[in-house]
Amino acid sequence: MQRCVVIADDDPAIIRLVKLRLGMAHYNVVATSDAVAALAMVRSQEPVAVILDVAMPGGGGVSALNQIKSDPRMARLPVMMLTGERNPETVIEAMNAGAGDYMVKPFNPDMLLERLSRLVKSSAMMWSEPPAATWEL
């Protein structure tokens, strides 16, 4: 079973690059160019992670991130920001809203894969049920 990742970016070249690199690592990437469509995809696709651009139609990535993190059904979903926005205030805003990582364009596709994989793994470990304790005193 392929792991699904939703990406929302208004640059078709970025979408192609991300699809190519993540596809080589057996991720099924579904993409859109706006935040509203990304939220619909997240709800319907049940992805293992979401990659959002900050500046795009439909309210932008930080707005989409806020909506994801405020919905109990999606709140645990790891979200990475992938953007050309270098403004420290935007980085802080995204991280405070619950982004698990923030990468600035241009980016190395192998580094993107590595950081996304770590984000997915750490999220799975954080939210997995601990084994039942069988302690005896």
N, C-alpha and C. Protein backbone atom coordinates (compact mmCIF):
# COMPACT_ATOMS: atom_id res chain seq x y z
N MET A 1 0.83 -1.19 0.00
CA MET A 1 0.00 0.00 0.00
C MET A 1 0.88 1.25 0.00
N GLN A 2 0.62 2.15 -0.94
CA GLN A 2 1.41 3.37 -1.02
C GLN A 2 0.95 4.37 0.03
N ARG A 3 1.90 5.11 0.55
CA ARG A 3 1.61 6.18 1.49
C ARG A 3 1.26 7.43 0.69
N CYS A 4 0.17 8.07 1.05
CA CYS A 4 -0.28 9.25 0.32
C CYS A 4 0.23 10.52 0.99
N VAL A 5 0.67 11.47 0.16
CA VAL A 5 1.07 12.80 0.60
C VAL A 5 0.29 13.80 -0.24
N VAL A 6 -0.31 14.78 0.42
CA VAL A 6 -0.98 15.87 -0.28
C VAL A 6 -0.02 17.05 -0.33
N ILE A 7 0.14 17.63 -1.53
CA ILE A 7 0.94 18.84 -1.67
C ILE A 7 0.07 19.93 -2.29
N ALA A 8 0.18 21.12 -1.74
CA ALA A 8 -0.50 22.29 -2.30
C ALA A 8 0.55 23.35 -2.58
N ASP A 9 0.72 23.66 -3.86
CA ASP A 9 1.69 24.67 -4.29
C ASP A 9 1.19 25.24 -5.60
N ASP A 10 1.30 26.55 -5.76
CA ASP A 10 0.81 27.16 -6.99
C ASP A 10 1.84 27.15 -8.12
N ASP A 11 2.97 26.52 -7.91
CA ASP A 11 4.00 26.42 -8.95
C ASP A 11 4.00 24.99 -9.50
N PRO A 12 3.56 24.80 -10.76
CA PRO A 12 3.50 23.45 -11.34
C PRO A 12 4.86 22.75 -11.38
N ALA A 13 5.95 23.50 -11.53
CA ALA A 13 7.28 22.88 -11.56
C ALA A 13 7.63 22.27 -10.20
N ILE A 14 7.25 22.93 -9.13
CA ILE A 14 7.50 22.39 -7.78
C ILE A 14 6.69 21.12 -7.60
N ILE A 15 5.44 21.14 -8.02
CA ILE A 15 4.60 19.95 -7.90
C ILE A 15 5.21 18.78 -8.67
N ARG A 16 5.65 19.03 -9.89
CA ARG A 16 6.27 17.96 -10.69
C ARG A 16 7.51 17.40 -9.99
N LEU A 17 8.35 18.27 -9.47
CA LEU A 17 9.58 17.84 -8.80
C LEU A 17 9.27 17.01 -7.54
N VAL A 18 8.33 17.48 -6.75
CA VAL A 18 7.96 16.75 -5.53
C VAL A 18 7.34 15.40 -5.89
N LYS A 19 6.45 15.39 -6.87
CA LYS A 19 5.84 14.12 -7.29
C LYS A 19 6.90 13.13 -7.77
N LEU A 20 7.86 13.62 -8.55
CA LEU A 20 8.91 12.75 -9.06
C LEU A 20 9.73 12.16 -7.93
N ARG A 21 10.24 13.01 -7.03
CA ARG A 21 11.13 12.52 -5.97
C ARG A 21 10.40 11.64 -4.97
N LEU A 22 9.21 12.06 -4.53
CA LEU A 22 8.48 11.25 -3.56
C LEU A 22 7.93 9.98 -4.20
N GLY A 23 7.58 10.07 -5.48
CA GLY A 23 7.12 8.88 -6.19
C GLY A 23 8.20 7.81 -6.26
N MET A 24 9.45 8.24 -6.44
CA MET A 24 10.57 7.30 -6.46
C MET A 24 10.73 6.59 -5.11
N ALA A 25 10.22 7.21 -4.05
CA ALA A 25 10.29 6.62 -2.71
C ALA A 25 8.97 5.94 -2.34
N HIS A 26 8.13 5.68 -3.34
CA HIS A 26 6.87 4.95 -3.17
C HIS A 26 5.81 5.71 -2.39
N TYR A 27 5.84 7.02 -2.48
CA TYR A 27 4.73 7.83 -1.97
C TYR A 27 3.78 8.09 -3.13
N ASN A 28 2.50 8.07 -2.86
CA ASN A 28 1.49 8.48 -3.82
C ASN A 28 1.20 9.95 -3.54
N VAL A 29 1.58 10.82 -4.46
CA VAL A 29 1.43 12.26 -4.24
C VAL A 29 0.21 12.77 -4.99
N VAL A 30 -0.69 13.41 -4.25
CA VAL A 30 -1.82 14.09 -4.87
C VAL A 30 -1.60 15.58 -4.67
N ALA A 31 -1.89 16.35 -5.71
CA ALA A 31 -1.49 17.76 -5.69
C ALA A 31 -2.60 18.68 -6.12
N THR A 32 -2.50 19.91 -5.66
CA THR A 32 -3.39 20.98 -6.04
C THR A 32 -2.63 22.28 -5.96
N SER A 33 -3.24 23.32 -6.51
CA SER A 33 -2.58 24.63 -6.49
C SER A 33 -3.25 25.60 -5.53
N ASP A 34 -4.24 25.13 -4.75
CA ASP A 34 -4.85 26.07 -3.80
C ASP A 34 -5.19 25.41 -2.47
N ALA A 35 -5.28 26.24 -1.45
CA ALA A 35 -5.44 25.77 -0.08
C ALA A 35 -6.80 25.12 0.16
N VAL A 36 -7.86 25.64 -0.45
CA VAL A 36 -9.20 25.07 -0.25
C VAL A 36 -9.25 23.65 -0.81
N ALA A 37 -8.73 23.45 -2.00
CA ALA A 37 -8.69 22.11 -2.59
C ALA A 37 -7.80 21.18 -1.76
N ALA A 38 -6.73 21.71 -1.21
CA ALA A 38 -5.84 20.89 -0.38
C ALA A 38 -6.59 20.35 0.83
N LEU A 39 -7.39 21.18 1.47
CA LEU A 39 -8.16 20.73 2.63
C LEU A 39 -9.13 19.62 2.23
N ALA A 40 -9.78 19.76 1.09
CA ALA A 40 -10.68 18.72 0.61
C ALA A 40 -9.93 17.42 0.36
N MET A 41 -8.74 17.52 -0.22
CA MET A 41 -7.92 16.33 -0.48
C MET A 41 -7.48 15.67 0.82
N VAL A 42 -7.11 16.47 1.79
CA VAL A 42 -6.68 15.91 3.08
C VAL A 42 -7.83 15.12 3.70
N ARG A 43 -9.02 15.66 3.61
CA ARG A 43 -10.19 14.97 4.18
C ARG A 43 -10.53 13.68 3.43
N SER A 44 -10.35 13.68 2.11
CA SER A 44 -10.76 12.51 1.32
C SER A 44 -9.66 11.47 1.14
N GLN A 45 -8.41 11.86 1.15
CA GLN A 45 -7.31 10.96 0.84
C GLN A 45 -6.68 10.27 2.05
N GLU A 46 -6.88 10.80 3.24
CA GLU A 46 -6.25 10.28 4.45
C GLU A 46 -4.73 10.12 4.27
N PRO A 47 -4.04 11.22 4.00
CA PRO A 47 -2.60 11.15 3.74
C PRO A 47 -1.79 10.90 5.02
N VAL A 48 -0.52 10.52 4.81
CA VAL A 48 0.40 10.37 5.94
C VAL A 48 1.06 11.69 6.26
N ALA A 49 0.98 12.67 5.31
CA ALA A 49 1.57 13.98 5.53
C ALA A 49 1.01 14.96 4.50
N VAL A 50 1.21 16.25 4.81
CA VAL A 50 0.79 17.33 3.93
C VAL A 50 1.97 18.28 3.75
N ILE A 51 2.15 18.75 2.51
CA ILE A 51 3.17 19.75 2.21
C ILE A 51 2.44 20.97 1.67
N LEU A 52 2.65 22.12 2.33
CA LEU A 52 1.94 23.34 1.96
C LEU A 52 2.90 24.48 1.62
N ASP A 53 2.56 25.22 0.57
CA ASP A 53 3.22 26.48 0.26
C ASP A 53 2.56 27.55 1.12
N VAL A 54 3.28 28.59 1.46
CA VAL A 54 2.69 29.68 2.24
C VAL A 54 1.78 30.54 1.37
N ALA A 55 2.30 30.98 0.23
CA ALA A 55 1.56 31.91 -0.62
C ALA A 55 0.94 31.16 -1.80
N MET A 56 -0.38 31.01 -1.75
CA MET A 56 -1.11 30.39 -2.85
C MET A 56 -2.58 30.79 -2.74
N PRO A 57 -3.34 30.58 -3.79
CA PRO A 57 -4.76 30.93 -3.74
C PRO A 57 -5.52 30.12 -2.69
N GLY A 58 -6.65 30.63 -2.29
CA GLY A 58 -7.52 29.90 -1.37
C GLY A 58 -7.20 30.12 0.09
N GLY A 59 -6.51 31.20 0.41
CA GLY A 59 -6.24 31.50 1.81
C GLY A 59 -4.81 31.27 2.23
N GLY A 60 -4.04 30.55 1.45
CA GLY A 60 -2.64 30.35 1.77
C GLY A 60 -2.40 29.16 2.69
N GLY A 61 -1.13 28.78 2.77
CA GLY A 61 -0.74 27.59 3.51
C GLY A 61 -0.89 27.68 5.01
N VAL A 62 -0.62 28.84 5.58
CA VAL A 62 -0.74 28.96 7.04
C VAL A 62 -2.21 28.86 7.45
N SER A 63 -3.09 29.43 6.66
CA SER A 63 -4.52 29.31 6.92
C SER A 63 -4.96 27.85 6.84
N ALA A 64 -4.50 27.14 5.81
CA ALA A 64 -4.82 25.72 5.68
C ALA A 64 -4.26 24.93 6.85
N LEU A 65 -3.05 25.25 7.26
CA LEU A 65 -2.43 24.60 8.41
C LEU A 65 -3.27 24.80 9.66
N ASN A 66 -3.72 26.02 9.90
CA ASN A 66 -4.57 26.30 11.06
C ASN A 66 -5.85 25.47 11.02
N GLN A 67 -6.43 25.32 9.84
CA GLN A 67 -7.66 24.53 9.73
C GLN A 67 -7.39 23.05 9.97
N ILE A 68 -6.28 22.56 9.47
CA ILE A 68 -5.92 21.15 9.70
C ILE A 68 -5.74 20.90 11.19
N LYS A 69 -4.97 21.75 11.84
CA LYS A 69 -4.64 21.53 13.25
C LYS A 69 -5.84 21.78 14.18
N SER A 70 -6.85 22.53 13.73
CA SER A 70 -8.01 22.78 14.58
C SER A 70 -9.10 21.72 14.41
N ASP A 71 -8.95 20.84 13.44
CA ASP A 71 -9.93 19.77 13.21
C ASP A 71 -9.43 18.50 13.91
N PRO A 72 -10.18 18.01 14.90
CA PRO A 72 -9.71 16.83 15.65
C PRO A 72 -9.40 15.61 14.77
N ARG A 73 -10.06 15.50 13.62
CA ARG A 73 -9.82 14.36 12.73
C ARG A 73 -8.50 14.48 11.99
N MET A 74 -7.96 15.70 11.89
CA MET A 74 -6.72 15.92 11.14
C MET A 74 -5.58 16.47 11.99
N ALA A 75 -5.85 16.79 13.23
CA ALA A 75 -4.89 17.52 14.06
C ALA A 75 -3.54 16.82 14.21
N ARG A 76 -3.52 15.52 14.17
CA ARG A 76 -2.26 14.78 14.35
C ARG A 76 -1.47 14.62 13.06
N LEU A 77 -2.02 15.06 11.96
CA LEU A 77 -1.39 14.91 10.65
C LEU A 77 -0.13 15.78 10.56
N PRO A 78 1.01 15.20 10.20
CA PRO A 78 2.22 16.00 10.07
C PRO A 78 2.16 16.90 8.84
N VAL A 79 2.52 18.17 9.03
CA VAL A 79 2.48 19.15 7.96
C VAL A 79 3.85 19.80 7.82
N MET A 80 4.32 19.85 6.58
CA MET A 80 5.58 20.52 6.27
C MET A 80 5.25 21.73 5.40
N MET A 81 5.86 22.85 5.71
CA MET A 81 5.75 24.03 4.86
C MET A 81 6.93 24.00 3.89
N LEU A 82 6.63 24.18 2.60
CA LEU A 82 7.65 24.23 1.56
C LEU A 82 7.39 25.50 0.76
N THR A 83 8.22 26.50 0.95
CA THR A 83 7.87 27.82 0.45
C THR A 83 9.09 28.67 0.13
N GLY A 84 8.87 29.70 -0.63
CA GLY A 84 9.90 30.69 -0.89
C GLY A 84 9.90 31.78 0.16
N GLU A 85 8.97 31.75 1.07
CA GLU A 85 8.83 32.77 2.12
C GLU A 85 9.90 32.58 3.18
N ARG A 86 10.80 33.54 3.28
CA ARG A 86 11.92 33.47 4.22
C ARG A 86 11.74 34.38 5.44
N ASN A 87 10.67 35.12 5.47
CA ASN A 87 10.41 36.06 6.56
C ASN A 87 10.36 35.32 7.90
N PRO A 88 11.20 35.67 8.87
CA PRO A 88 11.21 34.97 10.16
C PRO A 88 9.85 34.96 10.86
N GLU A 89 9.08 36.03 10.70
CA GLU A 89 7.76 36.07 11.33
C GLU A 89 6.85 35.00 10.75
N THR A 90 6.95 34.76 9.45
CA THR A 90 6.13 33.73 8.81
C THR A 90 6.55 32.34 9.27
N VAL A 91 7.85 32.13 9.38
CA VAL A 91 8.36 30.84 9.86
C VAL A 91 7.83 30.59 11.27
N ILE A 92 7.93 31.58 12.14
CA ILE A 92 7.45 31.44 13.53
C ILE A 92 5.95 31.20 13.55
N GLU A 93 5.21 31.95 12.73
CA GLU A 93 3.75 31.77 12.68
C GLU A 93 3.39 30.34 12.27
N ALA A 94 4.06 29.82 11.25
CA ALA A 94 3.77 28.46 10.79
C ALA A 94 4.15 27.42 11.84
N MET A 95 5.29 27.58 12.46
CA MET A 95 5.71 26.62 13.49
C MET A 95 4.78 26.68 14.70
N ASN A 96 4.37 27.88 15.09
CA ASN A 96 3.42 28.01 16.20
C ASN A 96 2.06 27.44 15.87
N ALA A 97 1.70 27.45 14.59
CA ALA A 97 0.41 26.90 14.16
C ALA A 97 0.44 25.38 14.10
N GLY A 98 1.63 24.79 14.19
CA GLY A 98 1.71 23.33 14.23
C GLY A 98 2.48 22.68 13.09
N ALA A 99 3.16 23.47 12.26
CA ALA A 99 3.98 22.87 11.21
C ALA A 99 5.09 22.04 11.86
N GLY A 100 5.31 20.87 11.32
CA GLY A 100 6.36 20.01 11.84
C GLY A 100 7.72 20.32 11.26
N ASP A 101 7.73 21.02 10.12
CA ASP A 101 8.98 21.39 9.48
C ASP A 101 8.70 22.54 8.53
N TYR A 102 9.77 23.24 8.15
CA TYR A 102 9.66 24.41 7.28
C TYR A 102 10.89 24.42 6.39
N MET A 103 10.68 24.21 5.08
CA MET A 103 11.78 24.23 4.12
C MET A 103 11.59 25.41 3.18
N VAL A 104 12.71 26.05 2.83
CA VAL A 104 12.67 27.22 1.95
C VAL A 104 13.13 26.80 0.56
N LYS A 105 12.40 27.28 -0.46
CA LYS A 105 12.78 27.08 -1.86
C LYS A 105 13.89 28.06 -2.22
N PRO A 106 14.79 27.70 -3.10
CA PRO A 106 14.92 26.40 -3.73
C PRO A 106 15.38 25.35 -2.72
N PHE A 107 15.08 24.11 -3.00
CA PHE A 107 15.36 23.04 -2.05
C PHE A 107 15.99 21.86 -2.78
N ASN A 108 16.64 21.01 -2.02
CA ASN A 108 17.22 19.78 -2.54
C ASN A 108 16.14 18.69 -2.41
N PRO A 109 15.74 18.06 -3.51
CA PRO A 109 14.69 17.04 -3.45
C PRO A 109 15.01 15.87 -2.52
N ASP A 110 16.28 15.48 -2.45
CA ASP A 110 16.66 14.40 -1.54
C ASP A 110 16.50 14.83 -0.08
N MET A 111 16.83 16.09 0.21
CA MET A 111 16.66 16.61 1.57
C MET A 111 15.16 16.69 1.92
N LEU A 112 14.35 17.07 0.95
CA LEU A 112 12.90 17.09 1.17
C LEU A 112 12.41 15.70 1.56
N LEU A 113 12.82 14.70 0.80
CA LEU A 113 12.41 13.33 1.11
C LEU A 113 12.87 12.91 2.49
N GLU A 114 14.11 13.20 2.82
CA GLU A 114 14.65 12.83 4.14
C GLU A 114 13.86 13.49 5.27
N ARG A 115 13.64 14.78 5.13
CA ARG A 115 12.94 15.51 6.20
C ARG A 115 11.47 15.10 6.29
N LEU A 116 10.84 14.84 5.16
CA LEU A 116 9.45 14.38 5.19
C LEU A 116 9.36 13.00 5.83
N SER A 117 10.28 12.11 5.47
CA SER A 117 10.28 10.76 6.05
C SER A 117 10.47 10.82 7.57
N ARG A 118 11.37 11.67 8.03
CA ARG A 118 11.57 11.83 9.47
C ARG A 118 10.33 12.39 10.15
N LEU A 119 9.69 13.34 9.50
CA LEU A 119 8.47 13.94 10.05
C LEU A 119 7.36 12.89 10.17
N VAL A 120 7.19 12.08 9.15
CA VAL A 120 6.16 11.04 9.18
C VAL A 120 6.48 10.01 10.26
N LYS A 121 7.74 9.58 10.34
CA LYS A 121 8.13 8.59 11.34
C LYS A 121 7.97 9.12 12.76
N SER A 122 8.41 10.35 13.00
CA SER A 122 8.31 10.90 14.35
C SER A 122 6.86 11.12 14.73
N SER A 123 6.03 11.49 13.79
CA SER A 123 4.61 11.66 14.07
C SER A 123 3.96 10.32 14.42
N ALA A 124 4.32 9.29 13.67
CA ALA A 124 3.77 7.96 13.94
C ALA A 124 4.19 7.47 15.31
N MET A 125 5.44 7.71 15.69
CA MET A 125 5.92 7.28 17.01
C MET A 125 5.24 8.08 18.11
N MET A 126 5.05 9.37 17.88
CA MET A 126 4.46 10.22 18.90
C MET A 126 3.02 9.85 19.20
N TRP A 127 2.28 9.46 18.16
CA TRP A 127 0.84 9.23 18.34
C TRP A 127 0.47 7.77 18.43
N SER A 128 1.43 6.85 18.34
CA SER A 128 1.09 5.44 18.43
C SER A 128 0.79 5.08 19.88
N GLU A 129 -0.02 4.10 20.02
CA GLU A 129 -0.39 3.64 21.36
C GLU A 129 0.81 2.95 22.00
N PRO A 130 1.11 3.28 23.24
CA PRO A 130 2.21 2.57 23.91
C PRO A 130 1.79 1.14 24.25
N PRO A 131 2.75 0.25 24.31
CA PRO A 131 2.40 -1.13 24.68
C PRO A 131 1.84 -1.18 26.09
N ALA A 132 0.94 -2.11 26.29
CA ALA A 132 0.33 -2.24 27.62
C ALA A 132 1.42 -2.63 28.63
N ALA A 133 1.42 -1.97 29.75
CA ALA A 133 2.41 -2.27 30.80
C ALA A 133 2.01 -3.53 31.53
N THR A 134 2.99 -4.36 31.79
CA THR A 134 2.73 -5.59 32.55
C THR A 134 3.67 -5.61 33.74
N TRP A 135 3.56 -4.59 34.55
CA TRP A 135 4.45 -4.45 35.70
C TRP A 135 3.86 -5.18 36.90
N GLU A 136 4.73 -5.80 37.62
CA GLU A 136 4.32 -6.40 38.90
C GLU A 136 5.21 -5.86 39.99
N LEU A 137 4.59 -5.54 41.09
CA LEU A 137 5.36 -5.04 42.22
C LEU A 137 5.41 -6.06 43.32
